[in-house]
Amino acid sequence: MKLVTFEQGGRGVRPGLISDGGVVDLSAEGFRDTIAFMAAPPSVQADVAKKKPAISLDGVRLKAPISPPRIFGIGLNYADHAAESKMEPQKVPTVFIVLSSAVVGPDEDVILPKASSMVDYEVELAVVIGRSGYQIPAAQAIEHVFGYTIMNDVSARDVQRATTQWSLGKSFPTFAPLGPWVVSKDEVPDPHALGISLSIGQEKLQNSNTSLLMFKIPQLIEYISGITPLQTGDIISTGTPAGVGMGRNPQRLLKPGEEMVLRIEKIGELRNKLVAEK
């Protein structure tokens, strides 16, 4: 199933499921948002997923599929990205927080802030937690996953690297595009075998595979949940492969008027244009 948040007909933002070329309105089934649907028993989810869509995709505007309580970013989780960043591969996951206030959805503008002159892109596979848990063993980790989406971990490199703490450099408004939907885990049998890429115009800047993740999803869930209980709707954004602008020679930073196109196999495509802050 594909879980979405959408606007249509001036009726406000609602949760939904993409089905048979249309949208099942989850608010009509009693769900206030997509996190409430993810928290429902699997049998309830399955029954709702059988319903016929009442809304055509025409005229529907997709928003960020969830409003995550927290976003856990993972740094340097591809060896080639660690190398281009001139940093050693880590012995434990490098975890930072991206503020949820940075989230935007598909086709929404990403704002290049006046406070930074070095804004960069990062395509990432994002894991969406469907069942809360604390101290989750790796062997049981996937039981706590609802599904997967795409995240662009947009980064103000000058702010990020001004200190050892990365979170603020990754938390400007609009710096966490998510979407276009959350694909349930049953539709992604192996999240560690997905093509992952980012293009701007005709230039493919990142092109890799999630098989190259150094810390796999079960390890990340075990590590993070061993420190803080995971909540339904939390996102773990698993890291970006090589090809980021900062690692290129010359550096390739983002400019107003460009459009970033992110693709992950079995999930889809996420597009966002860039505008300068006014």
C-alpha atoms as a PDB file:
ATOM      1  CA  MET A   1       0.000   0.000   0.000  1.00  0.00           C
ATOM      2  CA  LYS A   2       0.988   3.605  -0.583  1.00  0.00           C
ATOM      3  CA  LEU A   3       0.166   5.886   2.342  1.00  0.00           C
ATOM      4  CA  VAL A   4      -0.246   9.586   1.548  1.00  0.00           C
ATOM      5  CA  THR A   5      -1.336  12.913   2.927  1.00  0.00           C
ATOM      6  CA  PHE A   6      -3.287  14.984   0.417  1.00  0.00           C
ATOM      7  CA  GLU A   7      -5.306  18.122  -0.263  1.00  0.00           C
ATOM      8  CA  GLN A   8      -8.331  18.155  -2.551  1.00  0.00           C
ATOM      9  CA  GLY A   9     -11.265  20.412  -3.172  1.00  0.00           C
ATOM     10  CA  GLY A  10     -10.505  22.907  -0.429  1.00  0.00           C
ATOM     11  CA  ARG A  11     -11.304  20.360   2.277  1.00  0.00           C
ATOM     12  CA  GLY A  12      -7.977  20.589   4.058  1.00  0.00           C
ATOM     13  CA  VAL A  13      -5.194  18.079   4.565  1.00  0.00           C
ATOM     14  CA  ARG A  14      -6.274  14.451   4.935  1.00  0.00           C
ATOM     15  CA  PRO A  15      -4.640  11.025   5.136  1.00  0.00           C
ATOM     16  CA  GLY A  16      -5.190   8.543   2.327  1.00  0.00           C
ATOM     17  CA  LEU A  17      -4.196   5.372   0.517  1.00  0.00           C
ATOM     18  CA  ILE A  18      -3.398   5.233  -3.193  1.00  0.00           C
ATOM     19  CA  SER A  19      -5.439   2.420  -4.750  1.00  0.00           C
ATOM     20  CA  ASP A  20      -6.600   1.577  -8.299  1.00  0.00           C
ATOM     21  CA  GLY A  21      -5.649   5.000  -9.632  1.00  0.00           C
ATOM     22  CA  GLY A  22      -7.475   6.861  -6.891  1.00  0.00           C
ATOM     23  CA  VAL A  23      -7.340   7.766  -3.220  1.00  0.00           C
ATOM     24  CA  VAL A  24      -9.100   6.131  -0.294  1.00  0.00           C
ATOM     25  CA  ASP A  25      -9.885   8.942   2.159  1.00  0.00           C
ATOM     26  CA  LEU A  26      -8.672   7.650   5.532  1.00  0.00           C
ATOM     27  CA  SER A  27     -10.315  10.514   7.385  1.00  0.00           C
ATOM     28  CA  ALA A  28     -13.653   9.022   6.309  1.00  0.00           C
ATOM     29  CA  GLU A  29     -12.540   5.802   8.019  1.00  0.00           C
ATOM     30  CA  GLY A  30     -11.884   7.601  11.295  1.00  0.00           C
ATOM     31  CA  PHE A  31      -8.125   8.242  11.010  1.00  0.00           C
ATOM     32  CA  ARG A  32      -7.009  11.771  11.846  1.00  0.00           C
ATOM     33  CA  ASP A  33      -3.632  11.379  10.088  1.00  0.00           C
ATOM     34  CA  THR A  34      -1.282   8.810   8.595  1.00  0.00           C
ATOM     35  CA  ILE A  35       0.413   8.101  11.928  1.00  0.00           C
ATOM     36  CA  ALA A  36      -2.953   7.055  13.389  1.00  0.00           C
ATOM     37  CA  PHE A  37      -3.375   4.641  10.480  1.00  0.00           C
ATOM     38  CA  MET A  38       0.107   3.185  11.015  1.00  0.00           C
ATOM     39  CA  ALA A  39      -0.696   2.666  14.697  1.00  0.00           C
ATOM     40  CA  ALA A  40      -3.830   0.657  13.873  1.00  0.00           C
ATOM     41  CA  PRO A  41      -3.751  -3.164  14.043  1.00  0.00           C
ATOM     42  CA  PRO A  42      -2.578  -4.804  10.806  1.00  0.00           C
ATOM     43  CA  SER A  43      -5.986  -6.462  10.358  1.00  0.00           C
ATOM     44  CA  VAL A  44      -7.655  -3.032  10.400  1.00  0.00           C
ATOM     45  CA  GLN A  45      -5.111  -1.665   7.919  1.00  0.00           C
ATOM     46  CA  ALA A  46      -5.734  -4.621   5.604  1.00  0.00           C
ATOM     47  CA  ASP A  47      -9.515  -4.164   5.721  1.00  0.00           C
ATOM     48  CA  VAL A  48      -9.259  -0.459   4.914  1.00  0.00           C
ATOM     49  CA  ALA A  49      -6.795  -1.167   2.077  1.00  0.00           C
ATOM     50  CA  LYS A  50      -9.501  -3.280   0.362  1.00  0.00           C
ATOM     51  CA  LYS A  51     -11.857  -0.317   0.037  1.00  0.00           C
ATOM     52  CA  LYS A  52     -12.502   1.239  -3.336  1.00  0.00           C
ATOM     53  CA  PRO A  53     -11.093   4.748  -3.792  1.00  0.00           C
ATOM     54  CA  ALA A  54     -13.678   7.500  -3.706  1.00  0.00           C
ATOM     55  CA  ILE A  55     -11.392  10.281  -4.932  1.00  0.00           C
ATOM     56  CA  SER A  56      -9.690  10.573  -8.310  1.00  0.00           C
ATOM     57  CA  LEU A  57      -5.996  11.377  -8.357  1.00  0.00           C
ATOM     58  CA  ASP A  58      -6.820  14.252 -10.701  1.00  0.00           C
ATOM     59  CA  GLY A  59      -6.919  17.436  -8.677  1.00  0.00           C
ATOM     60  CA  VAL A  60      -5.311  15.842  -5.625  1.00  0.00           C
ATOM     61  CA  ARG A  61      -2.191  17.522  -4.306  1.00  0.00           C
ATOM     62  CA  LEU A  62       0.164  15.290  -2.366  1.00  0.00           C
ATOM     63  CA  LYS A  63       1.783  16.695   0.762  1.00  0.00           C
ATOM     64  CA  ALA A  64       4.555  15.192   2.885  1.00  0.00           C
ATOM     65  CA  PRO A  65       3.139  11.735   3.666  1.00  0.00           C
ATOM     66  CA  ILE A  66       3.707  12.021   7.434  1.00  0.00           C
ATOM     67  CA  SER A  67       4.524  14.612  10.063  1.00  0.00           C
ATOM     68  CA  PRO A  68       7.213  12.653  11.897  1.00  0.00           C
ATOM     69  CA  PRO A  69       7.664  13.121  15.640  1.00  0.00           C
ATOM     70  CA  ARG A  70      11.413  12.874  15.059  1.00  0.00           C
ATOM     71  CA  ILE A  71      13.836  12.420  12.179  1.00  0.00           C
ATOM     72  CA  PHE A  72      17.051  10.549  12.932  1.00  0.00           C
ATOM     73  CA  GLY A  73      19.635  11.296  10.263  1.00  0.00           C
ATOM     74  CA  ILE A  74      22.503   8.888   9.688  1.00  0.00           C
ATOM     75  CA  GLY A  75      25.829  10.323   8.566  1.00  0.00           C
ATOM     76  CA  LEU A  76      28.604   8.679   6.548  1.00  0.00           C
ATOM     77  CA  ASN A  77      26.720   5.406   6.027  1.00  0.00           C
ATOM     78  CA  TYR A  78      28.127   4.732   2.553  1.00  0.00           C
ATOM     79  CA  ALA A  79      31.894   4.170   2.400  1.00  0.00           C
ATOM     80  CA  ASP A  80      32.254   6.177  -0.815  1.00  0.00           C
ATOM     81  CA  HIS A  81      30.478   9.166   0.744  1.00  0.00           C
ATOM     82  CA  ALA A  82      32.714   8.969   3.829  1.00  0.00           C
ATOM     83  CA  ALA A  83      35.718   8.976   1.491  1.00  0.00           C
ATOM     84  CA  GLU A  84      34.566  12.005  -0.506  1.00  0.00           C
ATOM     85  CA  SER A  85      33.889  13.763   2.820  1.00  0.00           C
ATOM     86  CA  LYS A  86      37.473  12.971   3.851  1.00  0.00           C
ATOM     87  CA  MET A  87      36.240  11.177   6.974  1.00  0.00           C
ATOM     88  CA  GLU A  88      36.902   7.684   8.278  1.00  0.00           C
ATOM     89  CA  PRO A  89      34.065   5.121   8.269  1.00  0.00           C
ATOM     90  CA  GLN A  90      32.444   5.095  11.676  1.00  0.00           C
ATOM     91  CA  LYS A  91      32.572   2.206  14.172  1.00  0.00           C
ATOM     92  CA  VAL A  92      29.043   3.017  15.367  1.00  0.00           C
ATOM     93  CA  PRO A  93      26.316   4.900  13.459  1.00  0.00           C
ATOM     94  CA  THR A  94      26.679   8.668  13.333  1.00  0.00           C
ATOM     95  CA  VAL A  95      23.220   9.896  14.364  1.00  0.00           C
ATOM     96  CA  PHE A  96      21.917  13.465  14.312  1.00  0.00           C
ATOM     97  CA  ILE A  97      18.447  15.013  14.559  1.00  0.00           C
ATOM     98  CA  VAL A  98      16.710  16.868  11.742  1.00  0.00           C
ATOM     99  CA  LEU A  99      13.928  19.063  13.116  1.00  0.00           C
ATOM    100  CA  SER A 100      10.469  18.034  11.919  1.00  0.00           C
ATOM    101  CA  SER A 101       9.727  21.690  11.153  1.00  0.00           C
ATOM    102  CA  ALA A 102      11.996  21.278   8.099  1.00  0.00           C
ATOM    103  CA  VAL A 103       9.645  18.797   6.392  1.00  0.00           C
ATOM    104  CA  VAL A 104       7.994  19.633   3.069  1.00  0.00           C
ATOM    105  CA  GLY A 105       6.292  17.411   0.518  1.00  0.00           C
ATOM    106  CA  PRO A 106       6.641  16.590  -3.174  1.00  0.00           C
ATOM    107  CA  ASP A 107       6.671  19.519  -5.613  1.00  0.00           C
ATOM    108  CA  GLU A 108       7.030  22.055  -2.791  1.00  0.00           C
ATOM    109  CA  ASP A 109       9.831  24.604  -3.032  1.00  0.00           C
ATOM    110  CA  VAL A 110      13.063  24.212  -1.105  1.00  0.00           C
ATOM    111  CA  ILE A 111      14.216  27.631   0.099  1.00  0.00           C
ATOM    112  CA  LEU A 112      17.905  28.494  -0.134  1.00  0.00           C
ATOM    113  CA  PRO A 113      18.452  30.568   3.007  1.00  0.00           C
ATOM    114  CA  LYS A 114      20.313  33.850   3.189  1.00  0.00           C
ATOM    115  CA  ALA A 115      22.283  32.449   6.134  1.00  0.00           C
ATOM    116  CA  SER A 116      24.122  29.916   3.936  1.00  0.00           C
ATOM    117  CA  SER A 117      26.105  30.047   0.706  1.00  0.00           C
ATOM    118  CA  MET A 118      26.804  26.288   0.583  1.00  0.00           C
ATOM    119  CA  VAL A 119      23.535  24.351   0.299  1.00  0.00           C
ATOM    120  CA  ASP A 120      23.893  20.730  -0.801  1.00  0.00           C
ATOM    121  CA  TYR A 121      21.645  17.777  -1.717  1.00  0.00           C
ATOM    122  CA  GLU A 122      21.521  14.213  -0.315  1.00  0.00           C
ATOM    123  CA  VAL A 123      19.195  11.470  -1.577  1.00  0.00           C
ATOM    124  CA  GLU A 124      18.359   8.969   1.168  1.00  0.00           C
ATOM    125  CA  LEU A 125      16.174   5.938   1.829  1.00  0.00           C
ATOM    126  CA  ALA A 126      13.980   6.800   4.817  1.00  0.00           C
ATOM    127  CA  VAL A 127      12.607   4.110   7.128  1.00  0.00           C
ATOM    128  CA  VAL A 128       9.232   4.859   8.721  1.00  0.00           C
ATOM    129  CA  ILE A 129       8.619   3.296  12.128  1.00  0.00           C
ATOM    130  CA  GLY A 130       5.166   1.718  12.422  1.00  0.00           C
ATOM    131  CA  ARG A 131       5.344   0.249  15.901  1.00  0.00           C
ATOM    132  CA  SER A 132       7.005   1.844  18.897  1.00  0.00           C
ATOM    133  CA  GLY A 133       9.662   0.023  20.851  1.00  0.00           C
ATOM    134  CA  TYR A 134      12.623   0.288  23.185  1.00  0.00           C
ATOM    135  CA  GLN A 135      15.798  -1.782  23.038  1.00  0.00           C
ATOM    136  CA  ILE A 136      14.638  -3.592  19.900  1.00  0.00           C
ATOM    137  CA  PRO A 137      16.916  -6.492  18.888  1.00  0.00           C
ATOM    138  CA  ALA A 138      18.130  -6.382  15.287  1.00  0.00           C
ATOM    139  CA  ALA A 139      16.427  -9.720  14.631  1.00  0.00           C
ATOM    140  CA  GLN A 140      13.047  -8.129  15.423  1.00  0.00           C
ATOM    141  CA  ALA A 141      13.679  -4.696  13.953  1.00  0.00           C
ATOM    142  CA  ILE A 142      11.732  -5.056  10.703  1.00  0.00           C
ATOM    143  CA  GLU A 143       8.625  -5.959  12.730  1.00  0.00           C
ATOM    144  CA  HIS A 144       8.677  -2.321  13.884  1.00  0.00           C
ATOM    145  CA  VAL A 145       8.883  -0.879  10.343  1.00  0.00           C
ATOM    146  CA  PHE A 146       5.747   0.266   8.528  1.00  0.00           C
ATOM    147  CA  GLY A 147       7.436   1.146   5.286  1.00  0.00           C
ATOM    148  CA  TYR A 148       9.798   3.362   3.343  1.00  0.00           C
ATOM    149  CA  THR A 149       9.877   6.754   1.663  1.00  0.00           C
ATOM    150  CA  ILE A 150      12.390   9.127   0.065  1.00  0.00           C
ATOM    151  CA  MET A 151      14.097  11.934   1.952  1.00  0.00           C
ATOM    152  CA  ASN A 152      16.336  14.678   0.633  1.00  0.00           C
ATOM    153  CA  ASP A 153      18.664  15.559   3.514  1.00  0.00           C
ATOM    154  CA  VAL A 154      19.316  19.099   2.277  1.00  0.00           C
ATOM    155  CA  SER A 155      22.358  20.489   4.091  1.00  0.00           C
ATOM    156  CA  ALA A 156      23.829  23.951   4.617  1.00  0.00           C
ATOM    157  CA  ARG A 157      27.445  22.785   4.663  1.00  0.00           C
ATOM    158  CA  ASP A 158      28.916  26.002   6.051  1.00  0.00           C
ATOM    159  CA  VAL A 159      26.496  25.932   8.994  1.00  0.00           C
ATOM    160  CA  GLN A 160      26.818  22.159   9.410  1.00  0.00           C
ATOM    161  CA  ARG A 161      30.600  22.259   9.577  1.00  0.00           C
ATOM    162  CA  ALA A 162      30.925  25.357  11.749  1.00  0.00           C
ATOM    163  CA  THR A 163      30.690  23.094  14.803  1.00  0.00           C
ATOM    164  CA  THR A 164      30.714  19.362  15.528  1.00  0.00           C
ATOM    165  CA  GLN A 165      26.904  19.408  15.802  1.00  0.00           C
ATOM    166  CA  TRP A 166      25.154  18.938  12.463  1.00  0.00           C
ATOM    167  CA  SER A 167      21.464  19.342  13.282  1.00  0.00           C
ATOM    168  CA  LEU A 168      20.981  23.075  12.690  1.00  0.00           C
ATOM    169  CA  GLY A 169      22.726  22.941   9.314  1.00  0.00           C
ATOM    170  CA  LYS A 170      20.142  20.398   8.228  1.00  0.00           C
ATOM    171  CA  SER A 171      17.046  21.954   9.801  1.00  0.00           C
ATOM    172  CA  PHE A 172      16.385  25.191   7.913  1.00  0.00           C
ATOM    173  CA  PRO A 173      12.733  25.485   6.811  1.00  0.00           C
ATOM    174  CA  THR A 174      12.024  23.178   3.804  1.00  0.00           C
ATOM    175  CA  PHE A 175      15.337  21.270   4.201  1.00  0.00           C
ATOM    176  CA  ALA A 176      13.668  17.862   4.648  1.00  0.00           C
ATOM    177  CA  PRO A 177      11.589  17.020   1.560  1.00  0.00           C
ATOM    178  CA  LEU A 178       9.724  13.719   2.056  1.00  0.00           C
ATOM    179  CA  GLY A 179       7.575  11.617  -0.224  1.00  0.00           C
ATOM    180  CA  PRO A 180       5.775  11.199  -2.408  1.00  0.00           C
ATOM    181  CA  TRP A 181       4.263   8.454  -0.205  1.00  0.00           C
ATOM    182  CA  VAL A 182       5.199   5.786   2.287  1.00  0.00           C
ATOM    183  CA  VAL A 183       5.353   2.396   0.598  1.00  0.00           C
ATOM    184  CA  SER A 184       4.481  -0.425   3.011  1.00  0.00           C
ATOM    185  CA  LYS A 185       7.249  -2.909   3.725  1.00  0.00           C
ATOM    186  CA  ASP A 186       5.417  -5.801   2.064  1.00  0.00           C
ATOM    187  CA  GLU A 187       5.972  -4.026  -1.275  1.00  0.00           C
ATOM    188  CA  VAL A 188       9.722  -3.671  -0.626  1.00  0.00           C
ATOM    189  CA  PRO A 189      10.922  -7.217   0.136  1.00  0.00           C
ATOM    190  CA  ASP A 190      14.587  -6.193   0.403  1.00  0.00           C
ATOM    191  CA  PRO A 191      15.266  -2.550   1.297  1.00  0.00           C
ATOM    192  CA  HIS A 192      18.982  -3.282   0.908  1.00  0.00           C
ATOM    193  CA  ALA A 193      18.742  -3.894  -2.843  1.00  0.00           C
ATOM    194  CA  LEU A 194      17.315  -0.651  -4.236  1.00  0.00           C
ATOM    195  CA  GLY A 195      18.720   1.646  -6.871  1.00  0.00           C
ATOM    196  CA  ILE A 196      19.007   5.184  -5.499  1.00  0.00           C
ATOM    197  CA  SER A 197      19.773   8.347  -7.485  1.00  0.00           C
ATOM    198  CA  LEU A 198      19.534  12.133  -7.635  1.00  0.00           C
ATOM    199  CA  SER A 199      19.532  14.284 -10.755  1.00  0.00           C
ATOM    200  CA  ILE A 200      19.406  18.002 -11.496  1.00  0.00           C
ATOM    201  CA  GLY A 201      18.444  18.764 -15.072  1.00  0.00           C
ATOM    202  CA  GLN A 202      20.158  16.234 -17.319  1.00  0.00           C
ATOM    203  CA  GLU A 203      22.943  15.622 -14.813  1.00  0.00           C
ATOM    204  CA  LYS A 204      22.792  12.486 -12.652  1.00  0.00           C
ATOM    205  CA  LEU A 205      24.784  13.475  -9.593  1.00  0.00           C
ATOM    206  CA  GLN A 206      24.203  10.480  -7.316  1.00  0.00           C
ATOM    207  CA  ASN A 207      23.687   6.920  -8.550  1.00  0.00           C
ATOM    208  CA  SER A 208      24.120   4.007  -6.166  1.00  0.00           C
ATOM    209  CA  ASN A 209      22.377   1.094  -4.446  1.00  0.00           C
ATOM    210  CA  THR A 210      21.211   0.616  -0.870  1.00  0.00           C
ATOM    211  CA  SER A 211      23.147  -2.672  -0.807  1.00  0.00           C
ATOM    212  CA  LEU A 212      26.169  -0.472  -0.045  1.00  0.00           C
ATOM    213  CA  LEU A 213      24.797   0.797   3.276  1.00  0.00           C
ATOM    214  CA  MET A 214      27.405   0.049   5.937  1.00  0.00           C
ATOM    215  CA  PHE A 215      24.959  -0.025   8.867  1.00  0.00           C
ATOM    216  CA  LYS A 216      21.861  -1.860   7.673  1.00  0.00           C
ATOM    217  CA  ILE A 217      18.347  -1.006   8.828  1.00  0.00           C
ATOM    218  CA  PRO A 218      18.131  -3.647  11.610  1.00  0.00           C
ATOM    219  CA  GLN A 219      21.425  -2.402  13.055  1.00  0.00           C
ATOM    220  CA  LEU A 220      20.237   1.201  12.984  1.00  0.00           C
ATOM    221  CA  ILE A 221      16.961   0.369  14.708  1.00  0.00           C
ATOM    222  CA  GLU A 222      18.734  -1.691  17.356  1.00  0.00           C
ATOM    223  CA  TYR A 223      21.283   1.070  17.991  1.00  0.00           C
ATOM    224  CA  ILE A 224      18.885   4.013  18.175  1.00  0.00           C
ATOM    225  CA  SER A 225      16.189   2.181  20.135  1.00  0.00           C
ATOM    226  CA  GLY A 226      18.834   1.057  22.596  1.00  0.00           C
ATOM    227  CA  ILE A 227      19.213   4.697  23.588  1.00  0.00           C
ATOM    228  CA  THR A 228      15.756   6.216  23.092  1.00  0.00           C
ATOM    229  CA  PRO A 229      12.394   4.478  22.549  1.00  0.00           C
ATOM    230  CA  LEU A 230      11.262   4.725  18.935  1.00  0.00           C
ATOM    231  CA  GLN A 231       7.778   6.129  18.306  1.00  0.00           C
ATOM    232  CA  THR A 232       5.250   5.401  15.597  1.00  0.00           C
ATOM    233  CA  GLY A 233       5.952   7.822  12.766  1.00  0.00           C
ATOM    234  CA  ASP A 234       9.627   8.334  13.571  1.00  0.00           C
ATOM    235  CA  ILE A 235      11.899   8.397  10.535  1.00  0.00           C
ATOM    236  CA  ILE A 236      15.391   6.986  10.248  1.00  0.00           C
ATOM    237  CA  SER A 237      16.996   8.471   7.150  1.00  0.00           C
ATOM    238  CA  THR A 238      19.690   5.955   6.347  1.00  0.00           C
ATOM    239  CA  GLY A 239      22.398   8.131   4.804  1.00  0.00           C
ATOM    240  CA  THR A 240      23.474   9.250   1.353  1.00  0.00           C
ATOM    241  CA  PRO A 241      25.844   7.737  -1.212  1.00  0.00           C
ATOM    242  CA  ALA A 242      28.709   9.499  -2.959  1.00  0.00           C
ATOM    243  CA  GLY A 243      28.182  12.333  -5.398  1.00  0.00           C
ATOM    244  CA  VAL A 244      27.147  15.172  -3.096  1.00  0.00           C
ATOM    245  CA  GLY A 245      28.055  18.656  -4.225  1.00  0.00           C
ATOM    246  CA  MET A 246      30.512  19.305  -1.422  1.00  0.00           C
ATOM    247  CA  GLY A 247      32.589  16.270  -2.415  1.00  0.00           C
ATOM    248  CA  ARG A 248      32.988  17.271  -6.065  1.00  0.00           C
ATOM    249  CA  ASN A 249      35.867  19.160  -7.627  1.00  0.00           C
ATOM    250  CA  PRO A 250      34.817  21.835  -8.319  1.00  0.00           C
ATOM    251  CA  GLN A 251      32.044  21.780  -5.746  1.00  0.00           C
ATOM    252  CA  ARG A 252      28.519  21.620  -7.156  1.00  0.00           C
ATOM    253  CA  LEU A 253      26.175  23.550  -4.847  1.00  0.00           C
ATOM    254  CA  LEU A 254      22.475  24.249  -5.269  1.00  0.00           C
ATOM    255  CA  LYS A 255      21.141  27.293  -7.130  1.00  0.00           C
ATOM    256  CA  PRO A 256      17.745  28.987  -7.414  1.00  0.00           C
ATOM    257  CA  GLY A 257      15.675  27.773 -10.351  1.00  0.00           C
ATOM    258  CA  GLU A 258      17.023  24.216 -10.310  1.00  0.00           C
ATOM    259  CA  GLU A 259      14.881  21.144  -9.707  1.00  0.00           C
ATOM    260  CA  MET A 260      16.120  18.152  -7.728  1.00  0.00           C
ATOM    261  CA  VAL A 261      14.743  14.773  -8.825  1.00  0.00           C
ATOM    262  CA  LEU A 262      15.264  11.876  -6.414  1.00  0.00           C
ATOM    263  CA  ARG A 263      14.444   8.287  -7.337  1.00  0.00           C
ATOM    264  CA  ILE A 264      14.496   5.087  -5.306  1.00  0.00           C
ATOM    265  CA  GLU A 265      13.543   1.770  -6.841  1.00  0.00           C
ATOM    266  CA  LYS A 266      10.157   0.361  -5.698  1.00  0.00           C
ATOM    267  CA  ILE A 267       9.319   3.668  -3.993  1.00  0.00           C
ATOM    268  CA  GLY A 268       9.120   6.302  -6.690  1.00  0.00           C
ATOM    269  CA  GLU A 269      10.238   9.833  -7.436  1.00  0.00           C
ATOM    270  CA  LEU A 270      10.469  13.001  -5.335  1.00  0.00           C
ATOM    271  CA  ARG A 271      10.785  16.400  -7.050  1.00  0.00           C
ATOM    272  CA  ASN A 272      11.464  19.797  -5.491  1.00  0.00           C
ATOM    273  CA  LYS A 273      12.449  23.121  -7.024  1.00  0.00           C
ATOM    274  CA  LEU A 274      14.859  25.576  -5.457  1.00  0.00           C
ATOM    275  CA  VAL A 275      14.090  29.224  -4.722  1.00  0.00           C
ATOM    276  CA  ALA A 276      16.096  31.936  -2.995  1.00  0.00           C
ATOM    277  CA  GLU A 277      14.905  33.241   0.350  1.00  0.00           C
ATOM    278  CA  LYS A 278      13.310  36.658  -0.043  1.00  0.00           C
END
